[in-house]
Amino acid sequence: MTRRCEITGKGPLVGNTVSHANNKNKRRFLPNLQAASFFSLGLKRNIRVTATTNGIRTVEHKGGIDAFLLGTAPTKLNPVLRKVRKQLVDKIGELPKPTPKKRYPASTVKAEKRAAKKAAEGKAAKAA
């Protein structure tokens, strides 16, 4: 069993234990892995994963395992979760893609502001 989070991909890090006398010894910093199970409403079953506490919080923040899996690209998931995501997509379909915001070139926006300012000055001059 690898000590790696199935959600975030966090794994062990390597560093030094430094004593009071400044002696350095190699050590491993292991992630805080927990065996967690999330209930999938789309598949109507539990999905068991080995995840860090940070990964569990991420899933809950996204709105559950279904929203997390559908909102994450398959290439960023490990093979087990990729398979579950495929089953979920076959069962309930993809999440709708958000429509991109309409962006205007900066020059167009500035030109519109200048025109509005001139029109306001023109109205003020006619009123006086």
C-alpha atoms as a PDB file:
ATOM      1  CA  MET A   1       0.000   0.000   0.000  1.00  0.00           C
ATOM      2  CA  THR A   2       1.479   3.320  -1.001  1.00  0.00           C
ATOM      3  CA  ARG A   3       1.224   6.138   1.479  1.00  0.00           C
ATOM      4  CA  ARG A   4      -0.417   8.523  -0.948  1.00  0.00           C
ATOM      5  CA  CYS A   5      -3.716  10.413  -0.799  1.00  0.00           C
ATOM      6  CA  GLU A   6      -6.147   9.286  -3.526  1.00  0.00           C
ATOM      7  CA  ILE A   7      -7.769  12.726  -3.631  1.00  0.00           C
ATOM      8  CA  THR A   8      -4.928  15.256  -3.482  1.00  0.00           C
ATOM      9  CA  GLY A   9      -1.973  13.026  -4.400  1.00  0.00           C
ATOM     10  CA  LYS A  10       0.031  14.060  -1.335  1.00  0.00           C
ATOM     11  CA  GLY A  11       2.781  11.620  -0.399  1.00  0.00           C
ATOM     12  CA  PRO A  12       5.697  11.308   2.022  1.00  0.00           C
ATOM     13  CA  LEU A  13       8.330  14.031   2.192  1.00  0.00           C
ATOM     14  CA  VAL A  14      11.962  13.661   3.252  1.00  0.00           C
ATOM     15  CA  GLY A  15      13.744  15.912   5.720  1.00  0.00           C
ATOM     16  CA  ASN A  16      15.988  15.978   8.743  1.00  0.00           C
ATOM     17  CA  THR A  17      15.417  15.549  12.440  1.00  0.00           C
ATOM     18  CA  VAL A  18      17.618  18.203  14.000  1.00  0.00           C
ATOM     19  CA  SER A  19      18.715  17.696  17.608  1.00  0.00           C
ATOM     20  CA  HIS A  20      19.593  20.381  20.104  1.00  0.00           C
ATOM     21  CA  ALA A  21      23.262  19.755  19.267  1.00  0.00           C
ATOM     22  CA  ASN A  22      22.394  20.376  15.594  1.00  0.00           C
ATOM     23  CA  ASN A  23      22.916  16.710  14.633  1.00  0.00           C
ATOM     24  CA  LYS A  24      20.922  15.860  11.537  1.00  0.00           C
ATOM     25  CA  ASN A  25      19.280  12.482  10.889  1.00  0.00           C
ATOM     26  CA  LYS A  26      17.188  11.643   7.834  1.00  0.00           C
ATOM     27  CA  ARG A  27      13.496  11.107   8.433  1.00  0.00           C
ATOM     28  CA  ARG A  28      10.222  10.865   6.511  1.00  0.00           C
ATOM     29  CA  PHE A  29       7.233  13.132   7.000  1.00  0.00           C
ATOM     30  CA  LEU A  30       4.179  10.955   6.328  1.00  0.00           C
ATOM     31  CA  PRO A  31       0.812  12.421   5.270  1.00  0.00           C
ATOM     32  CA  ASN A  32      -2.107  12.160   7.700  1.00  0.00           C
ATOM     33  CA  LEU A  33      -3.931   9.369   5.859  1.00  0.00           C
ATOM     34  CA  GLN A  34      -7.385   8.217   6.899  1.00  0.00           C
ATOM     35  CA  ALA A  35      -9.639   5.480   5.546  1.00  0.00           C
ATOM     36  CA  ALA A  36     -12.764   7.360   4.498  1.00  0.00           C
ATOM     37  CA  SER A  37     -15.937   6.357   2.740  1.00  0.00           C
ATOM     38  CA  PHE A  38     -18.165   8.808   0.903  1.00  0.00           C
ATOM     39  CA  PHE A  39     -21.745   8.065  -0.121  1.00  0.00           C
ATOM     40  CA  SER A  40     -22.369   8.672  -3.809  1.00  0.00           C
ATOM     41  CA  LEU A  41     -25.946   9.772  -4.463  1.00  0.00           C
ATOM     42  CA  GLY A  42     -25.590   9.072  -8.194  1.00  0.00           C
ATOM     43  CA  LEU A  43     -24.315   5.500  -7.753  1.00  0.00           C
ATOM     44  CA  LYS A  44     -26.242   4.909  -4.498  1.00  0.00           C
ATOM     45  CA  ARG A  45     -23.263   3.263  -2.803  1.00  0.00           C
ATOM     46  CA  ASN A  46     -20.279   4.063  -0.612  1.00  0.00           C
ATOM     47  CA  ILE A  47     -16.924   4.839  -2.207  1.00  0.00           C
ATOM     48  CA  ARG A  48     -13.950   3.929  -0.004  1.00  0.00           C
ATOM     49  CA  VAL A  49     -10.777   5.959  -0.364  1.00  0.00           C
ATOM     50  CA  THR A  50      -7.551   6.489   1.523  1.00  0.00           C
ATOM     51  CA  ALA A  51      -7.319  10.250   1.853  1.00  0.00           C
ATOM     52  CA  THR A  52      -5.586  12.884   3.895  1.00  0.00           C
ATOM     53  CA  THR A  53      -7.676  15.027   6.192  1.00  0.00           C
ATOM     54  CA  ASN A  54      -7.099  17.859   3.732  1.00  0.00           C
ATOM     55  CA  GLY A  55      -8.479  15.658   0.919  1.00  0.00           C
ATOM     56  CA  ILE A  56     -11.581  14.831   2.959  1.00  0.00           C
ATOM     57  CA  ARG A  57     -12.161  18.542   3.552  1.00  0.00           C
ATOM     58  CA  THR A  58     -11.731  19.200  -0.173  1.00  0.00           C
ATOM     59  CA  VAL A  59     -14.428  16.659  -1.073  1.00  0.00           C
ATOM     60  CA  GLU A  60     -16.820  18.135   1.496  1.00  0.00           C
ATOM     61  CA  HIS A  61     -16.066  21.671   0.277  1.00  0.00           C
ATOM     62  CA  LYS A  62     -16.899  20.717  -3.314  1.00  0.00           C
ATOM     63  CA  GLY A  63     -20.293  19.368  -2.230  1.00  0.00           C
ATOM     64  CA  GLY A  64     -19.695  15.633  -1.891  1.00  0.00           C
ATOM     65  CA  ILE A  65     -17.928  12.913  -3.820  1.00  0.00           C
ATOM     66  CA  ASP A  66     -20.195  13.194  -6.881  1.00  0.00           C
ATOM     67  CA  ALA A  67     -19.559  16.918  -7.350  1.00  0.00           C
ATOM     68  CA  PHE A  68     -15.841  16.435  -6.692  1.00  0.00           C
ATOM     69  CA  LEU A  69     -15.473  13.652  -9.270  1.00  0.00           C
ATOM     70  CA  LEU A  70     -17.537  15.404 -11.939  1.00  0.00           C
ATOM     71  CA  GLY A  71     -15.781  18.722 -11.357  1.00  0.00           C
ATOM     72  CA  THR A  72     -12.284  17.245 -11.624  1.00  0.00           C
ATOM     73  CA  ALA A  73     -10.632  16.337 -14.916  1.00  0.00           C
ATOM     74  CA  PRO A  74     -10.140  12.557 -15.308  1.00  0.00           C
ATOM     75  CA  THR A  75      -6.425  13.048 -15.926  1.00  0.00           C
ATOM     76  CA  LYS A  76      -6.034  14.509 -12.408  1.00  0.00           C
ATOM     77  CA  LEU A  77      -7.654  11.493 -10.701  1.00  0.00           C
ATOM     78  CA  ASN A  78      -5.979   8.222  -9.779  1.00  0.00           C
ATOM     79  CA  PRO A  79      -7.093   5.112 -11.751  1.00  0.00           C
ATOM     80  CA  VAL A  80      -9.528   3.896  -9.063  1.00  0.00           C
ATOM     81  CA  LEU A  81     -11.372   7.218  -8.864  1.00  0.00           C
ATOM     82  CA  ARG A  82     -11.206   7.582 -12.653  1.00  0.00           C
ATOM     83  CA  LYS A  83     -13.153   4.319 -12.949  1.00  0.00           C
ATOM     84  CA  VAL A  84     -15.726   5.522 -10.404  1.00  0.00           C
ATOM     85  CA  ARG A  85     -16.035   8.832 -12.283  1.00  0.00           C
ATOM     86  CA  LYS A  86     -16.715   6.975 -15.524  1.00  0.00           C
ATOM     87  CA  GLN A  87     -19.467   4.944 -13.834  1.00  0.00           C
ATOM     88  CA  LEU A  88     -20.944   8.164 -12.463  1.00  0.00           C
ATOM     89  CA  VAL A  89     -20.890   9.886 -15.866  1.00  0.00           C
ATOM     90  CA  ASP A  90     -22.565   6.853 -17.475  1.00  0.00           C
ATOM     91  CA  LYS A  91     -25.248   6.882 -14.787  1.00  0.00           C
ATOM     92  CA  ILE A  92     -26.092  10.589 -14.401  1.00  0.00           C
ATOM     93  CA  GLY A  93     -24.104  12.438 -17.100  1.00  0.00           C
ATOM     94  CA  GLU A  94     -21.601  15.294 -16.995  1.00  0.00           C
ATOM     95  CA  LEU A  95     -22.044  18.530 -15.076  1.00  0.00           C
ATOM     96  CA  PRO A  96     -22.979  21.436 -17.351  1.00  0.00           C
ATOM     97  CA  LYS A  97     -19.998  23.526 -18.370  1.00  0.00           C
ATOM     98  CA  PRO A  98     -20.078  27.084 -16.996  1.00  0.00           C
ATOM     99  CA  THR A  99     -20.459  29.729 -19.670  1.00  0.00           C
ATOM    100  CA  PRO A 100     -17.318  31.830 -19.990  1.00  0.00           C
ATOM    101  CA  LYS A 101     -17.527  35.513 -19.128  1.00  0.00           C
ATOM    102  CA  LYS A 102     -17.648  37.823 -22.110  1.00  0.00           C
ATOM    103  CA  ARG A 103     -14.404  39.769 -22.285  1.00  0.00           C
ATOM    104  CA  TYR A 104     -13.922  42.939 -24.222  1.00  0.00           C
ATOM    105  CA  PRO A 105     -10.596  44.333 -25.352  1.00  0.00           C
ATOM    106  CA  ALA A 106      -9.418  47.115 -23.054  1.00  0.00           C
ATOM    107  CA  SER A 107      -9.333  49.608 -25.933  1.00  0.00           C
ATOM    108  CA  THR A 108     -13.068  49.078 -26.635  1.00  0.00           C
ATOM    109  CA  VAL A 109     -13.995  49.609 -22.994  1.00  0.00           C
ATOM    110  CA  LYS A 110     -11.906  52.791 -22.772  1.00  0.00           C
ATOM    111  CA  ALA A 111     -13.441  54.139 -25.998  1.00  0.00           C
ATOM    112  CA  GLU A 112     -16.960  53.517 -24.653  1.00  0.00           C
ATOM    113  CA  LYS A 113     -16.112  55.323 -21.397  1.00  0.00           C
ATOM    114  CA  ARG A 114     -14.702  58.314 -23.317  1.00  0.00           C
ATOM    115  CA  ALA A 115     -17.803  58.491 -25.504  1.00  0.00           C
ATOM    116  CA  ALA A 116     -20.097  58.371 -22.466  1.00  0.00           C
ATOM    117  CA  LYS A 117     -18.071  61.105 -20.763  1.00  0.00           C
ATOM    118  CA  LYS A 118     -18.271  63.367 -23.836  1.00  0.00           C
ATOM    119  CA  ALA A 119     -22.013  62.783 -24.109  1.00  0.00           C
ATOM    120  CA  ALA A 120     -22.453  63.738 -20.445  1.00  0.00           C
ATOM    121  CA  GLU A 121     -20.374  66.909 -20.959  1.00  0.00           C
ATOM    122  CA  GLY A 122     -22.417  67.774 -24.057  1.00  0.00           C
ATOM    123  CA  LYS A 123     -25.697  67.471 -22.118  1.00  0.00           C
ATOM    124  CA  ALA A 124     -24.294  69.627 -19.305  1.00  0.00           C
ATOM    125  CA  ALA A 125     -23.231  72.297 -21.819  1.00  0.00           C
ATOM    126  CA  LYS A 126     -26.682  72.354 -23.488  1.00  0.00           C
ATOM    127  CA  ALA A 127     -28.420  72.637 -20.134  1.00  0.00           C
ATOM    128  CA  ALA A 128     -26.335  75.664 -19.126  1.00  0.00           C
END
